[in-house]
Amino acid sequence: MAYDEQLAQRVRLILEERPELVEKKMFGGVSYLLNGNMVCGINGDQLIVRMSEIEFMDALTQPHVRVFDLTGRPMKGWVFVGPSGIAGDNDLKKWVESGLRYAQGLPPKK
């Protein structure tokens, strides 16, 4: 599946001051990794965000948000945010920063 390149560019602008982040093709789209841990990604026109359990439960109450599930096995702590939930730059930044906070608290992957 192709991913929304305009959305990817918007995410890159938010993360541009973080040179330690790596962009990698994943999940049929593109993902952004910190020390090997996913911060966020894009699948089609949706943002994928990994977050703490508390933020995850709160996120699921938000409009345009659903559990991340590509295989029929929902992933706890991961959400899809639909286009309407990330239309504004401040909304997108809020979601990306949530994923960044979570990834910063994880040990680096080898």
C-alpha atoms as a PDB file:
ATOM      1  CA  MET A   1       0.000   0.000   0.000  1.00  0.00           C
ATOM      2  CA  ALA A   2       1.288   3.439  -0.843  1.00  0.00           C
ATOM      3  CA  TYR A   3       1.507   6.063   1.861  1.00  0.00           C
ATOM      4  CA  ASP A   4       0.589   9.731   1.858  1.00  0.00           C
ATOM      5  CA  GLU A   5       3.842  11.489   0.933  1.00  0.00           C
ATOM      6  CA  GLN A   6       2.451  14.900   1.964  1.00  0.00           C
ATOM      7  CA  LEU A   7       1.729  13.533   5.436  1.00  0.00           C
ATOM      8  CA  ALA A   8       5.237  12.054   5.544  1.00  0.00           C
ATOM      9  CA  GLN A   9       6.689  15.465   4.709  1.00  0.00           C
ATOM     10  CA  ARG A  10       4.665  17.086   7.485  1.00  0.00           C
ATOM     11  CA  VAL A  11       5.997  14.512   9.972  1.00  0.00           C
ATOM     12  CA  ARG A  12       9.565  15.057   8.710  1.00  0.00           C
ATOM     13  CA  LEU A  13       9.196  18.793   9.399  1.00  0.00           C
ATOM     14  CA  ILE A  14       8.122  18.078  12.980  1.00  0.00           C
ATOM     15  CA  LEU A  15      11.059  15.708  13.507  1.00  0.00           C
ATOM     16  CA  GLU A  16      13.708  17.582  11.509  1.00  0.00           C
ATOM     17  CA  GLU A  17      15.534  18.800  14.611  1.00  0.00           C
ATOM     18  CA  ARG A  18      15.975  15.197  15.747  1.00  0.00           C
ATOM     19  CA  PRO A  19      18.786  13.868  13.508  1.00  0.00           C
ATOM     20  CA  GLU A  20      19.017  10.685  15.588  1.00  0.00           C
ATOM     21  CA  LEU A  21      15.655   9.569  14.196  1.00  0.00           C
ATOM     22  CA  VAL A  22      15.686   7.115  11.312  1.00  0.00           C
ATOM     23  CA  GLU A  23      13.079   6.864   8.567  1.00  0.00           C
ATOM     24  CA  LYS A  24      12.380   3.286   7.486  1.00  0.00           C
ATOM     25  CA  LYS A  25       9.873   1.531   5.223  1.00  0.00           C
ATOM     26  CA  MET A  26       7.555  -0.565   7.437  1.00  0.00           C
ATOM     27  CA  PHE A  27       3.937  -1.707   7.595  1.00  0.00           C
ATOM     28  CA  GLY A  28       3.444  -0.963   3.905  1.00  0.00           C
ATOM     29  CA  GLY A  29       4.345   2.660   4.562  1.00  0.00           C
ATOM     30  CA  VAL A  30       7.044   4.595   6.350  1.00  0.00           C
ATOM     31  CA  SER A  31       8.017   4.724  10.018  1.00  0.00           C
ATOM     32  CA  TYR A  32      10.214   6.929  12.167  1.00  0.00           C
ATOM     33  CA  LEU A  33      12.456   5.210  14.714  1.00  0.00           C
ATOM     34  CA  LEU A  34      14.430   6.387  17.730  1.00  0.00           C
ATOM     35  CA  ASN A  35      17.143   3.950  18.853  1.00  0.00           C
ATOM     36  CA  GLY A  36      15.331   1.227  16.916  1.00  0.00           C
ATOM     37  CA  ASN A  37      11.975   1.911  18.595  1.00  0.00           C
ATOM     38  CA  MET A  38       9.053   3.184  16.572  1.00  0.00           C
ATOM     39  CA  VAL A  39       7.902   6.727  17.308  1.00  0.00           C
ATOM     40  CA  CYS A  40       5.229   6.921  14.614  1.00  0.00           C
ATOM     41  CA  GLY A  41       4.549   5.877  11.075  1.00  0.00           C
ATOM     42  CA  ILE A  42       2.270   6.333   8.115  1.00  0.00           C
ATOM     43  CA  ASN A  43       0.105   3.705   6.484  1.00  0.00           C
ATOM     44  CA  GLY A  44      -1.978   5.039   3.618  1.00  0.00           C
ATOM     45  CA  ASP A  45      -3.353   8.332   4.876  1.00  0.00           C
ATOM     46  CA  GLN A  46      -3.316   7.379   8.553  1.00  0.00           C
ATOM     47  CA  LEU A  47      -0.763   8.069  11.240  1.00  0.00           C
ATOM     48  CA  ILE A  48       0.397   5.160  13.405  1.00  0.00           C
ATOM     49  CA  VAL A  49       1.473   6.141  16.918  1.00  0.00           C
ATOM     50  CA  ARG A  50       2.971   4.045  19.686  1.00  0.00           C
ATOM     51  CA  MET A  51       2.297   5.342  23.198  1.00  0.00           C
ATOM     52  CA  SER A  52       2.075   4.543  26.888  1.00  0.00           C
ATOM     53  CA  GLU A  53      -0.832   2.491  28.166  1.00  0.00           C
ATOM     54  CA  ILE A  54      -2.385   5.526  29.870  1.00  0.00           C
ATOM     55  CA  GLU A  55      -2.144   7.660  26.718  1.00  0.00           C
ATOM     56  CA  PHE A  56      -3.411   4.698  24.671  1.00  0.00           C
ATOM     57  CA  MET A  57      -6.597   4.394  26.724  1.00  0.00           C
ATOM     58  CA  ASP A  58      -7.179   8.153  26.499  1.00  0.00           C
ATOM     59  CA  ALA A  59      -6.433   8.207  22.756  1.00  0.00           C
ATOM     60  CA  LEU A  60      -9.131   5.623  22.083  1.00  0.00           C
ATOM     61  CA  THR A  61     -11.733   8.088  23.383  1.00  0.00           C
ATOM     62  CA  GLN A  62     -10.684  10.652  20.757  1.00  0.00           C
ATOM     63  CA  PRO A  63     -12.519  11.000  17.442  1.00  0.00           C
ATOM     64  CA  HIS A  64     -10.738   9.576  14.383  1.00  0.00           C
ATOM     65  CA  VAL A  65      -8.629   7.176  16.501  1.00  0.00           C
ATOM     66  CA  ARG A  66      -8.742   3.381  16.504  1.00  0.00           C
ATOM     67  CA  VAL A  67      -6.526   0.526  17.613  1.00  0.00           C
ATOM     68  CA  PHE A  68      -3.672  -0.285  15.234  1.00  0.00           C
ATOM     69  CA  ASP A  69      -4.478  -3.604  13.579  1.00  0.00           C
ATOM     70  CA  LEU A  70      -3.172  -4.774  10.213  1.00  0.00           C
ATOM     71  CA  THR A  71      -3.417  -8.530  10.746  1.00  0.00           C
ATOM     72  CA  GLY A  72      -6.522  -9.149  12.840  1.00  0.00           C
ATOM     73  CA  ARG A  73      -4.423  -8.977  16.016  1.00  0.00           C
ATOM     74  CA  PRO A  74      -4.866  -5.520  17.590  1.00  0.00           C
ATOM     75  CA  MET A  75      -1.692  -4.085  19.104  1.00  0.00           C
ATOM     76  CA  LYS A  76      -2.124  -2.614  22.569  1.00  0.00           C
ATOM     77  CA  GLY A  77      -0.397   0.746  22.883  1.00  0.00           C
ATOM     78  CA  TRP A  78      -0.536   1.464  19.142  1.00  0.00           C
ATOM     79  CA  VAL A  79      -3.213   3.549  17.395  1.00  0.00           C
ATOM     80  CA  PHE A  80      -4.213   4.671  13.942  1.00  0.00           C
ATOM     81  CA  VAL A  81      -5.176   8.348  13.729  1.00  0.00           C
ATOM     82  CA  GLY A  82      -7.329   9.081  10.689  1.00  0.00           C
ATOM     83  CA  PRO A  83      -6.886  12.067   8.365  1.00  0.00           C
ATOM     84  CA  SER A  84      -9.419  14.262  10.167  1.00  0.00           C
ATOM     85  CA  GLY A  85      -7.535  13.786  13.448  1.00  0.00           C
ATOM     86  CA  ILE A  86      -4.253  15.037  11.946  1.00  0.00           C
ATOM     87  CA  ALA A  87      -5.515  17.671   9.504  1.00  0.00           C
ATOM     88  CA  GLY A  88      -4.120  20.561  11.541  1.00  0.00           C
ATOM     89  CA  ASP A  89      -0.379  20.932  12.134  1.00  0.00           C
ATOM     90  CA  ASN A  90      -0.867  21.268  15.902  1.00  0.00           C
ATOM     91  CA  ASP A  91      -2.943  18.069  15.986  1.00  0.00           C
ATOM     92  CA  LEU A  92      -0.302  16.169  14.034  1.00  0.00           C
ATOM     93  CA  LYS A  93       2.463  17.523  16.271  1.00  0.00           C
ATOM     94  CA  LYS A  94       0.576  16.431  19.396  1.00  0.00           C
ATOM     95  CA  TRP A  95       0.372  12.842  18.125  1.00  0.00           C
ATOM     96  CA  VAL A  96       3.983  12.704  16.923  1.00  0.00           C
ATOM     97  CA  GLU A  97       5.220  14.089  20.243  1.00  0.00           C
ATOM     98  CA  SER A  98       3.224  11.440  22.107  1.00  0.00           C
ATOM     99  CA  GLY A  99       5.045   8.727  20.162  1.00  0.00           C
ATOM    100  CA  LEU A 100       8.377  10.461  20.711  1.00  0.00           C
ATOM    101  CA  ARG A 101       7.845  10.637  24.488  1.00  0.00           C
ATOM    102  CA  TYR A 102       7.125   6.932  24.604  1.00  0.00           C
ATOM    103  CA  ALA A 103      10.099   5.926  22.443  1.00  0.00           C
ATOM    104  CA  GLN A 104      12.471   8.070  24.526  1.00  0.00           C
ATOM    105  CA  GLY A 105      11.585   5.965  27.574  1.00  0.00           C
ATOM    106  CA  LEU A 106      12.455   2.646  25.929  1.00  0.00           C
ATOM    107  CA  PRO A 107      15.862   0.981  25.957  1.00  0.00           C
ATOM    108  CA  PRO A 108      17.694   1.073  22.610  1.00  0.00           C
ATOM    109  CA  LYS A 109      17.262  -1.982  20.391  1.00  0.00           C
ATOM    110  CA  LYS A 110      20.410  -3.735  19.303  1.00  0.00           C
END
